[in-house]
């Protein structure tokens, strides 16, 4: 009996959690409301499981990242990460809660763990089906106990009349203007409630509450998926001689390419017949693609190739190292090309993300080089952790602020700037336009853009859920201009 009472109490808690999700995410812009929801969600989780969790180190790392991503809705106004985090944060949160409630012996760095995570969603759906059947049986027994059949029949008549009224009332309103006015006064001006919106929010709250309840019920429970089956070694391995031959041919090509084009790679100016766009774009994407192909080859060979003896093993390690070094040089060349292109045409989100992605690949290749010689190091764990930290870093450094600052510095040197690109950014773009106006108010079209942005911010949602430091600061700067 106590267990049932506890479950009903927890269901009420999940109902409040669903209500909090409703007011946090369905009232326009999301700001401080996201981190408030995350705080309450994890409070419920910790109380539910009495702070008894596994995989604590990676769990703490993921939780810190989740708080950072949720906090970005309060601190920054990113046009690219705002919609992206709406998908990333729930996925990471679900992965995190499944991870910390799973047995410590499970290796989260294997694909079998991903199957466990997705399987928990299926378990939650089955639990929901069984729970609804349980509620249905309770309601059926309750109906049998009700002796007053007249009351039940009256309620049934009312329910059956509602759809008929929905059809008849609009027809009568169309037939008589006075009747229409009376109905509108009754249901619009006196009540002043949007029934469609209320119904949607109520449905969202209930669905979210049931979803949270089912998820909390299934995580932490042992299933067949959590009995980890040792993976049998793949017998279809590539012979070491074949792999060494492939690597030798590719490395020879890379060494020859780098030797012949070294001056072209790192030339400080432009070659004859090339514009900046040709120089930067002609090789940038190709070099990035080549490095990704090399990375794929390395992963496949390191996983599937089994050297026959120590000499062959040493040869493969040397060839791996040469390929990694060549890939690093190609990345440095791509970095230099993109830097030159930015100096000529300015800084954008795509170009800055490309810089960070190349830095990420350099870190990955550096670790892979270490892994070639120290075979006991885990590789997939590092890749997953590094990718998550890389994504969190992109959210933490405020890329739009970096873009604005670099473009303003470029404007001081060249006198060139794209104010319309600034206007497509978030709050940081507005602050950049304000700084630009304070330096040179005569820039064509700048004053009009600032007036439009001021009117846009004045018409924005000012609910507490949407509070954001960056947008608030941009609004204050525009008000101080007095345009």
Protein backbone atom coordinates (compact mmCIF):
# COMPACT_ATOMS: atom_id res chain seq x y z
CA UNK A 1 0.00 0.00 0.00
CA UNK A 2 2.83 2.39 0.81
CA UNK A 3 4.43 1.68 -2.53
CA UNK A 4 1.20 2.60 -4.35
CA UNK A 5 0.83 5.81 -2.35
CA UNK A 6 4.44 6.68 -3.11
CA UNK A 7 3.87 6.13 -6.83
CA UNK A 8 0.80 8.39 -6.81
CA UNK A 9 2.80 11.06 -4.99
CA UNK A 10 5.59 10.74 -7.55
CA UNK A 11 3.03 10.99 -10.36
CA UNK A 12 1.88 14.32 -8.88
CA UNK A 13 5.53 15.42 -8.78
CA UNK A 14 5.89 14.55 -12.46
CA UNK A 15 2.68 16.47 -13.16
CA UNK A 16 4.27 19.55 -11.64
CA UNK A 17 7.40 18.82 -13.70
CA UNK A 18 5.24 18.72 -16.82
CA UNK A 19 3.61 22.02 -15.79
CA UNK A 20 7.07 23.53 -15.31
CA UNK A 21 8.07 22.31 -18.78
CA UNK A 22 4.93 23.99 -20.12
CA UNK A 23 5.65 27.41 -18.65
CA UNK A 24 9.39 27.10 -19.37
CA UNK A 25 9.27 26.23 -23.07
CA UNK A 26 5.88 27.27 -24.50
CA UNK A 27 5.89 31.00 -23.71
CA UNK A 28 7.92 32.52 -26.53
CA UNK A 29 11.67 32.96 -26.19
CA UNK A 30 13.54 30.66 -23.82
CA UNK A 31 16.01 32.24 -21.44
CA UNK A 32 16.43 31.74 -17.72
CA UNK A 33 13.54 29.25 -17.73
CA UNK A 34 15.71 26.47 -19.21
CA UNK A 35 18.22 26.39 -16.38
CA UNK A 36 15.37 26.56 -13.83
CA UNK A 37 13.75 23.52 -15.43
CA UNK A 38 17.05 21.61 -15.47
CA UNK A 39 17.57 22.40 -11.78
CA UNK A 40 14.16 21.07 -10.80
CA UNK A 41 14.45 18.04 -13.12
CA UNK A 42 17.72 16.91 -11.54
CA UNK A 43 16.38 17.61 -8.06
CA UNK A 44 13.56 15.15 -8.76
CA UNK A 45 16.06 12.65 -10.18
CA UNK A 46 18.38 12.85 -7.18
CA UNK A 47 15.57 12.53 -4.66
CA UNK A 48 14.02 9.66 -6.62
CA UNK A 49 17.23 7.61 -6.62
CA UNK A 50 18.51 8.85 -3.24
CA UNK A 51 21.80 10.09 -4.74
CA UNK A 52 22.85 6.51 -5.55
CA UNK A 53 24.51 6.60 -8.97
CA UNK A 54 27.25 4.88 -10.97
CA UNK A 55 29.78 6.14 -13.53
CA UNK A 56 30.33 9.19 -11.34
CA UNK A 57 33.30 10.77 -13.14
CA UNK A 58 31.83 10.79 -16.63
CA UNK A 59 28.44 11.53 -15.06
CA UNK A 60 29.76 14.68 -13.40
CA UNK A 61 31.42 15.75 -16.64
CA UNK A 62 28.18 15.34 -18.59
CA UNK A 63 26.19 17.12 -15.92
CA UNK A 64 28.59 20.07 -15.94
CA UNK A 65 28.21 20.25 -19.70
CA UNK A 66 24.41 20.11 -19.44
CA UNK A 67 24.40 23.01 -16.97
CA UNK A 68 26.70 24.98 -19.28
CA UNK A 69 24.47 24.38 -22.30
CA UNK A 70 21.32 25.28 -20.34
CA UNK A 71 23.06 28.37 -18.98
CA UNK A 72 23.83 29.54 -22.52
CA UNK A 73 20.12 30.36 -22.91
CA UNK A 74 20.54 32.84 -20.05
CA UNK A 75 23.98 34.26 -20.85
CA UNK A 76 24.16 34.40 -24.65
CA UNK A 77 21.88 35.02 -27.62
CA UNK A 78 23.24 32.67 -30.27
CA UNK A 79 21.31 32.35 -33.51
CA UNK A 80 22.90 28.99 -34.33
CA UNK A 81 23.07 27.23 -30.95
CA UNK A 82 19.63 28.31 -29.73
CA UNK A 83 17.72 25.92 -32.02
CA UNK A 84 20.49 23.31 -31.93
CA UNK A 85 20.52 23.07 -28.13
CA UNK A 86 16.77 22.48 -28.10
CA UNK A 87 17.64 19.05 -29.55
CA UNK A 88 21.10 18.44 -28.08
CA UNK A 89 20.30 19.10 -24.41
CA UNK A 90 17.36 16.63 -24.13
CA UNK A 91 19.43 13.96 -25.92
CA UNK A 92 22.43 14.45 -23.61
CA UNK A 93 20.19 14.57 -20.51
CA UNK A 94 18.55 11.26 -21.45
CA UNK A 95 21.94 9.66 -22.18
CA UNK A 96 23.20 11.01 -18.85
CA UNK A 97 20.36 9.71 -16.67
CA UNK A 98 20.52 6.28 -18.29
CA UNK A 99 24.28 6.22 -17.80
CA UNK A 100 24.34 7.12 -14.11
CA UNK A 101 21.53 4.68 -13.30
CA UNK A 102 23.17 1.75 -15.14
CA UNK A 103 25.44 -0.86 -13.52
CA UNK A 104 29.04 0.23 -13.09
CA UNK A 105 30.32 -2.78 -15.07
CA UNK A 106 28.74 -1.54 -18.31
CA UNK A 107 31.16 -0.01 -20.79
CA UNK A 108 29.50 3.18 -22.04
CA UNK A 109 32.10 3.51 -24.81
CA UNK A 110 30.62 0.66 -26.87
CA UNK A 111 27.77 0.65 -29.35
CA UNK A 112 25.90 -1.79 -27.11
CA UNK A 113 25.37 1.04 -24.64
CA UNK A 114 23.68 3.13 -27.34
CA UNK A 115 21.30 0.21 -27.84
CA UNK A 116 20.61 0.27 -24.11
CA UNK A 117 19.79 4.00 -24.22
CA UNK A 118 17.38 3.61 -27.13
CA UNK A 119 15.92 0.51 -25.49
CA UNK A 120 14.97 2.54 -22.43
CA UNK A 121 12.65 4.61 -24.62
CA UNK A 122 10.94 1.41 -25.74
CA UNK A 123 10.70 0.29 -22.10
CA UNK A 124 9.07 3.60 -21.18
CA UNK A 125 6.51 3.17 -23.94
CA UNK A 126 5.65 -0.34 -22.75
CA UNK A 127 5.41 0.88 -19.18
CA UNK A 128 3.02 3.61 -20.32
CA UNK A 129 0.83 1.05 -22.10
CA UNK A 130 0.71 -1.20 -19.04
CA UNK A 131 0.04 1.74 -16.72
CA UNK A 132 -2.87 2.96 -18.84
CA UNK A 133 -4.34 -0.54 -18.76
CA UNK A 134 -3.95 -0.53 -14.97
CA UNK A 135 -5.75 2.84 -14.72
CA UNK A 136 -8.46 1.54 -17.03
CA UNK A 137 -9.08 -1.48 -14.82
CA UNK A 138 -9.36 0.76 -11.76
CA UNK A 139 -11.86 3.02 -13.50
CA UNK A 140 -13.87 0.00 -14.66
CA UNK A 141 -14.09 -1.32 -11.13
CA UNK A 142 -15.08 2.13 -9.90
CA UNK A 143 -17.89 2.34 -12.43
CA UNK A 144 -19.24 -1.01 -11.32
CA UNK A 145 -19.37 0.23 -7.75
CA UNK A 146 -21.41 3.30 -8.61
CA UNK A 147 -25.06 2.56 -7.78
CA UNK A 148 -26.60 5.76 -9.07
CA UNK A 149 -27.13 4.93 -12.73
CA UNK A 150 -29.21 8.05 -13.31
CA UNK A 151 -26.24 10.33 -12.61
CA UNK A 152 -24.03 8.35 -14.96
CA UNK A 153 -26.62 8.54 -17.69
CA UNK A 154 -26.98 12.31 -17.26
CA UNK A 155 -23.19 12.75 -17.57
CA UNK A 156 -23.19 10.55 -20.65
CA UNK A 157 -25.97 12.68 -22.18
CA UNK A 158 -23.99 15.86 -21.55
CA UNK A 159 -20.89 14.40 -23.18
CA UNK A 160 -22.88 13.31 -26.24
CA UNK A 161 -24.51 16.74 -26.54
CA UNK A 162 -21.24 18.70 -26.60
CA UNK A 163 -20.25 17.79 -30.21
CA UNK A 164 -23.80 18.55 -31.38
CA UNK A 165 -23.66 21.98 -29.74
CA UNK A 166 -20.34 22.68 -31.42
CA UNK A 167 -22.12 22.34 -34.76
CA UNK A 168 -25.45 23.99 -33.91
CA UNK A 169 -24.27 27.08 -32.00
CA UNK A 170 -22.18 28.52 -34.90
CA UNK A 171 -25.17 27.99 -37.22
CA UNK A 172 -27.49 29.90 -34.88
CA UNK A 173 -24.88 32.65 -34.53
CA UNK A 174 -24.81 33.03 -38.30
CA UNK A 175 -28.61 33.17 -38.44
CA UNK A 176 -29.07 35.93 -35.82
CA UNK A 177 -26.69 38.83 -35.24
CA UNK A 178 -28.08 39.60 -31.75
CA UNK A 179 -27.58 36.00 -30.67
CA UNK A 180 -24.07 36.07 -32.07
CA UNK A 181 -23.26 39.23 -30.12
CA UNK A 182 -24.55 37.72 -26.89
CA UNK A 183 -22.51 34.55 -27.36
CA UNK A 184 -19.37 36.53 -28.18
CA UNK A 185 -19.85 38.72 -25.12
CA UNK A 186 -20.26 35.64 -22.97
CA UNK A 187 -17.39 33.53 -24.22
CA UNK A 188 -14.89 36.09 -25.44
CA UNK A 189 -15.05 39.32 -23.48
CA UNK A 190 -16.20 37.94 -20.16
CA UNK A 191 -14.14 34.79 -20.11
CA UNK A 192 -11.41 36.03 -22.45
CA UNK A 193 -9.81 32.58 -22.74
CA UNK A 194 -8.36 30.96 -25.84
CA UNK A 195 -9.77 27.48 -25.44
CA UNK A 196 -7.52 26.03 -28.14
CA UNK A 197 -4.38 27.34 -26.46
CA UNK A 198 -5.55 26.21 -23.03
CA UNK A 199 -6.34 22.75 -24.38
CA UNK A 200 -2.96 22.47 -26.07
CA UNK A 201 -1.07 23.55 -22.95
CA UNK A 202 -3.08 21.17 -20.79
CA UNK A 203 -2.41 18.30 -23.19
CA UNK A 204 1.30 19.16 -23.30
CA UNK A 205 1.50 19.22 -19.50
CA UNK A 206 -0.20 15.85 -19.15
CA UNK A 207 1.85 14.19 -21.90
CA UNK A 208 5.10 15.59 -20.52
CA UNK A 209 4.17 14.47 -16.99
CA UNK A 210 3.37 10.93 -18.14
CA UNK A 211 6.60 10.83 -20.17
CA UNK A 212 8.71 11.91 -17.18
CA UNK A 213 6.90 9.44 -14.91
CA UNK A 214 7.50 6.52 -17.27
CA UNK A 215 11.14 7.42 -17.85
CA UNK A 216 11.86 7.64 -14.12
CA UNK A 217 10.10 4.33 -13.61
CA UNK A 218 12.15 2.36 -16.17
CA UNK A 219 15.64 3.80 -15.70
CA UNK A 220 17.63 2.05 -13.03
CA UNK A 221 15.76 -1.24 -13.50
CA UNK A 222 17.84 -4.13 -14.76
CA UNK A 223 16.83 -5.67 -18.07
CA UNK A 224 18.38 -8.18 -20.45
CA UNK A 225 20.02 -5.30 -22.30
CA UNK A 226 22.15 -4.50 -19.27
CA UNK A 227 23.75 -7.92 -19.23
CA UNK A 228 26.70 -7.03 -21.38
CA UNK A 229 27.67 -9.76 -23.83
CA UNK A 230 31.38 -9.82 -24.68
CA UNK A 231 31.91 -8.91 -28.29
CA UNK A 232 33.42 -11.69 -30.33
CA UNK A 233 36.44 -10.65 -32.38
CA UNK A 234 35.69 -9.99 -36.02
CA UNK A 235 37.33 -12.72 -38.08
CA UNK A 236 37.19 -10.64 -41.25
CA UNK A 237 40.46 -8.81 -40.66
CA UNK A 238 42.56 -7.17 -43.34
CA UNK A 239 46.02 -8.74 -43.80
CA UNK A 240 48.85 -6.59 -42.54
CA UNK A 241 50.69 -6.67 -45.89
CA UNK A 242 47.65 -5.34 -47.74
CA UNK A 243 47.19 -2.56 -45.21
CA UNK A 244 50.88 -1.65 -45.32
CA UNK A 245 50.78 -1.50 -49.12
CA UNK A 246 47.77 0.84 -49.08
CA UNK A 247 49.38 3.09 -46.47
CA UNK A 248 52.69 3.21 -48.36
CA UNK A 249 51.00 4.29 -51.59
CA UNK A 250 48.88 6.93 -49.85
CA UNK A 251 51.78 8.27 -47.78
CA UNK A 252 53.96 8.48 -50.90
CA UNK A 253 51.24 10.52 -52.59
CA UNK A 254 50.90 12.86 -49.59
CA UNK A 255 54.64 13.38 -49.19
CA UNK A 256 55.01 14.13 -52.90
CA UNK A 257 52.01 16.47 -52.87
CA UNK A 258 53.26 18.37 -49.84
CA UNK A 259 56.82 18.61 -51.21
CA UNK A 260 55.73 19.96 -54.59
CA UNK A 261 53.11 22.34 -53.22
CA UNK A 262 54.86 23.49 -50.05
CA UNK A 263 55.38 27.01 -51.29
CA UNK A 264 51.79 27.12 -52.53
CA UNK A 265 50.51 25.93 -49.16
CA UNK A 266 52.26 28.53 -47.04
CA UNK A 267 52.77 31.37 -49.49
CA UNK A 268 52.03 34.70 -47.81
CA UNK A 269 50.65 36.37 -50.91
CA UNK A 270 48.69 35.29 -53.95
CA UNK A 271 49.97 33.29 -56.88
CA UNK A 272 49.58 34.74 -60.35
CA UNK A 273 46.11 34.27 -61.79
CA UNK A 274 44.42 33.53 -58.44
CA UNK A 275 41.95 35.67 -56.55
CA UNK A 276 41.55 35.37 -52.78
CA UNK A 277 38.38 33.35 -53.29
CA UNK A 278 40.13 30.92 -55.67
CA UNK A 279 43.16 30.61 -53.44
CA UNK A 280 41.16 29.91 -50.28
CA UNK A 281 38.25 27.91 -51.62
CA UNK A 282 39.95 25.86 -54.30
CA UNK A 283 41.80 23.74 -51.78
CA UNK A 284 40.16 24.29 -48.39
CA UNK A 285 37.23 21.87 -48.62
CA UNK A 286 39.29 19.32 -50.55
CA UNK A 287 41.98 19.29 -47.85
CA UNK A 288 39.40 18.89 -45.08
CA UNK A 289 37.78 16.01 -46.96
CA UNK A 290 41.16 14.30 -47.45
CA UNK A 291 41.92 14.52 -43.71
CA UNK A 292 38.51 13.01 -42.87
CA UNK A 293 39.17 10.16 -45.31
CA UNK A 294 42.56 9.59 -43.67
CA UNK A 295 40.98 9.55 -40.24
CA UNK A 296 38.46 6.94 -41.39
CA UNK A 297 41.22 4.78 -42.88
CA UNK A 298 43.21 4.99 -39.66
CA UNK A 299 40.26 3.94 -37.50
CA UNK A 300 39.37 1.01 -39.75
CA UNK A 301 42.94 -0.22 -40.02
CA UNK A 302 43.68 0.15 -36.31
CA UNK A 303 40.51 -1.83 -35.56
CA UNK A 304 40.61 -4.51 -38.26
CA UNK A 305 44.26 -5.04 -39.20
CA UNK A 306 46.12 -7.70 -37.21
CA UNK A 307 49.90 -7.65 -37.81
CA UNK A 308 51.53 -11.06 -38.21
CA UNK A 309 54.69 -10.29 -36.26
CA UNK A 310 56.50 -7.50 -34.40
CA UNK A 311 58.27 -6.22 -37.52
CA UNK A 312 55.02 -5.83 -39.38
CA UNK A 313 53.47 -4.19 -36.32
CA UNK A 314 56.32 -1.66 -36.16
CA UNK A 315 56.01 -0.97 -39.89
CA UNK A 316 52.29 -0.28 -39.55
CA UNK A 317 52.88 2.05 -36.60
CA UNK A 318 55.40 4.04 -38.65
CA UNK A 319 53.03 4.24 -41.61
CA UNK A 320 50.16 5.30 -39.33
CA UNK A 321 52.37 8.03 -37.89
CA UNK A 322 53.35 9.31 -41.35
CA UNK A 323 49.70 9.49 -42.42
CA UNK A 324 48.75 11.35 -39.24
CA UNK A 325 51.61 13.81 -39.71
CA UNK A 326 50.65 14.40 -43.34
CA UNK A 327 47.03 14.96 -42.29
CA UNK A 328 48.21 17.49 -39.71
CA UNK A 329 50.11 19.42 -42.38
CA UNK A 330 47.05 19.43 -44.62
CA UNK A 331 44.97 20.82 -41.74
CA UNK A 332 47.51 23.57 -41.10
CA UNK A 333 47.40 24.44 -44.80
CA UNK A 334 43.59 24.59 -44.75
CA UNK A 335 43.76 26.80 -41.65
CA UNK A 336 46.13 29.21 -43.42
CA UNK A 337 43.93 29.40 -46.50
CA UNK A 338 40.82 30.17 -44.44
CA UNK A 339 42.68 32.80 -42.41
CA UNK A 340 43.75 34.55 -45.62
CA UNK A 341 40.18 34.43 -46.93
CA UNK A 342 38.83 35.94 -43.69
CA UNK A 343 41.35 38.76 -43.88
CA UNK A 344 40.07 39.60 -47.34
CA UNK A 345 36.32 39.08 -46.92
CA UNK A 346 35.59 39.24 -43.21
CA UNK A 347 34.55 36.83 -40.46
CA UNK A 348 31.35 34.79 -40.45
CA UNK A 349 29.90 32.00 -38.34
CA UNK A 350 30.67 29.35 -40.98
CA UNK A 351 34.31 30.38 -41.24
CA UNK A 352 34.79 30.54 -37.47
CA UNK A 353 33.17 27.12 -37.00
CA UNK A 354 35.50 25.75 -39.68
CA UNK A 355 38.48 27.04 -37.66
CA UNK A 356 37.25 25.35 -34.49
CA UNK A 357 36.51 22.13 -36.36
CA UNK A 358 40.06 22.03 -37.71
CA UNK A 359 41.40 22.57 -34.19
CA UNK A 360 39.19 19.68 -33.04
CA UNK A 361 40.61 17.45 -35.78
CA UNK A 362 44.17 18.39 -34.79
CA UNK A 363 43.45 17.29 -31.22
CA UNK A 364 41.88 14.06 -32.48
CA UNK A 365 44.87 13.29 -34.71
CA UNK A 366 47.32 14.09 -31.90
CA UNK A 367 45.58 11.61 -29.58
CA UNK A 368 45.36 9.04 -32.38
CA UNK A 369 49.13 9.35 -32.88
CA UNK A 370 49.66 8.61 -29.19
CA UNK A 371 47.20 5.71 -29.44
CA UNK A 372 49.20 4.21 -32.32
CA UNK A 373 52.16 3.65 -30.00
CA UNK A 374 50.27 3.09 -26.73
CA UNK A 375 47.68 0.51 -27.73
CA UNK A 376 46.10 0.14 -24.31
CA UNK A 377 44.66 3.65 -24.42
CA UNK A 378 40.87 3.74 -25.04
CA UNK A 379 40.04 5.52 -28.26
CA UNK A 380 36.25 5.70 -28.52
CA UNK A 381 35.94 7.05 -24.95
CA UNK A 382 38.30 9.89 -25.80
CA UNK A 383 36.54 10.71 -29.06
CA UNK A 384 33.13 10.92 -27.35
CA UNK A 385 34.40 13.01 -24.44
CA UNK A 386 36.38 15.28 -26.74
CA UNK A 387 33.39 15.80 -29.05
CA UNK A 388 31.12 16.70 -26.11
CA UNK A 389 33.69 19.09 -24.62
CA UNK A 390 34.22 20.62 -28.05
CA UNK A 391 30.50 21.31 -28.40
CA UNK A 392 30.32 22.78 -24.89
CA UNK A 393 33.33 24.98 -25.70
CA UNK A 394 31.56 26.35 -28.77
CA UNK A 395 28.65 27.35 -26.54
CA UNK A 396 30.88 28.85 -23.86
CA UNK A 397 33.15 31.06 -26.00
CA UNK A 398 30.26 33.13 -27.47
CA UNK A 399 31.16 32.81 -31.15
CA UNK A 400 29.02 35.75 -32.24
CA UNK A 401 30.92 38.08 -29.93
CA UNK A 402 34.19 36.83 -31.44
CA UNK A 403 32.86 37.43 -34.95
CA UNK A 404 31.78 40.97 -34.08
CA UNK A 405 35.09 41.87 -32.43
CA UNK A 406 37.18 40.49 -35.32
CA UNK A 407 35.08 42.31 -37.90
CA UNK A 408 35.33 45.58 -35.95
CA UNK A 409 39.11 45.19 -35.79
CA UNK A 410 39.16 44.51 -39.53
CA UNK A 411 37.05 47.66 -40.05
CA UNK A 412 39.67 49.74 -38.23
CA UNK A 413 42.31 48.52 -40.69
CA UNK A 414 40.42 48.25 -43.98
CA UNK A 415 37.33 50.44 -43.51
CA UNK A 416 35.20 47.55 -44.80
CA UNK A 417 32.30 46.01 -42.90
CA UNK A 418 29.04 44.22 -43.61
CA UNK A 419 26.45 45.78 -41.29
CA UNK A 420 23.68 43.61 -42.70
CA UNK A 421 25.49 40.48 -41.54
CA UNK A 422 25.64 42.00 -38.05
CA UNK A 423 21.88 42.52 -38.16
CA UNK A 424 21.38 38.79 -38.80
CA UNK A 425 23.24 37.89 -35.61
CA UNK A 426 21.69 37.91 -32.16
CA UNK A 427 22.25 40.41 -29.37
CA UNK A 428 26.00 40.50 -30.00
CA UNK A 429 25.34 41.75 -33.52
CA UNK A 430 23.18 44.57 -32.13
CA UNK A 431 25.91 45.54 -29.67
CA UNK A 432 28.41 45.52 -32.54
CA UNK A 433 26.18 47.85 -34.56
CA UNK A 434 25.95 50.20 -31.56
CA UNK A 435 29.74 50.27 -31.22
CA UNK A 436 30.03 50.93 -34.93
CA UNK A 437 27.51 53.79 -34.74
CA UNK A 438 29.40 55.40 -31.87
CA UNK A 439 32.59 55.35 -33.98
CA UNK A 440 31.08 56.36 -37.32
CA UNK A 441 27.37 57.30 -37.37
CA UNK A 442 27.58 58.24 -41.06
CA UNK A 443 27.83 54.66 -42.33
CA UNK A 444 25.04 54.29 -44.92
CA UNK A 445 22.03 52.37 -43.62
CA UNK A 446 23.41 51.91 -40.10
CA UNK A 447 21.00 54.28 -38.34
CA UNK A 448 18.00 52.67 -40.02
CA UNK A 449 19.14 49.20 -38.93
CA UNK A 450 19.49 50.34 -35.33
CA UNK A 451 16.01 51.87 -35.34
CA UNK A 452 14.56 48.64 -36.72
CA UNK A 453 16.36 46.61 -34.07
CA UNK A 454 15.11 48.93 -31.32
CA UNK A 455 11.51 48.48 -32.48
CA UNK A 456 12.06 44.73 -32.77
CA UNK A 457 13.35 44.46 -29.21
CA UNK A 458 10.52 46.63 -27.89
CA UNK A 459 8.00 44.19 -29.37
CA UNK A 460 9.79 41.12 -28.03
CA UNK A 461 8.38 38.85 -25.35
CA UNK A 462 9.21 40.33 -21.93
CA UNK A 463 8.06 37.41 -19.79
CA UNK A 464 10.37 36.17 -17.06
CA UNK A 465 10.97 32.94 -19.00
CA UNK A 466 12.64 34.85 -21.82
CA UNK A 467 15.06 36.85 -19.65
CA UNK A 468 18.54 36.85 -21.18
CA UNK A 469 21.54 38.95 -20.15
CA UNK A 470 22.80 39.56 -23.70
CA UNK A 471 19.40 40.69 -25.05
CA UNK A 472 18.84 42.86 -21.97
CA UNK A 473 22.22 44.56 -22.44
CA UNK A 474 21.56 45.13 -26.15
CA UNK A 475 18.20 46.72 -25.34
CA UNK A 476 19.82 49.10 -22.83
CA UNK A 477 22.50 50.13 -25.34
CA UNK A 478 19.87 50.94 -27.94
CA UNK A 479 17.88 53.01 -25.44
CA UNK A 480 21.01 54.98 -24.52
CA UNK A 481 21.51 55.92 -28.18
CA UNK A 482 18.15 57.67 -28.16
CA UNK A 483 17.36 56.97 -31.80
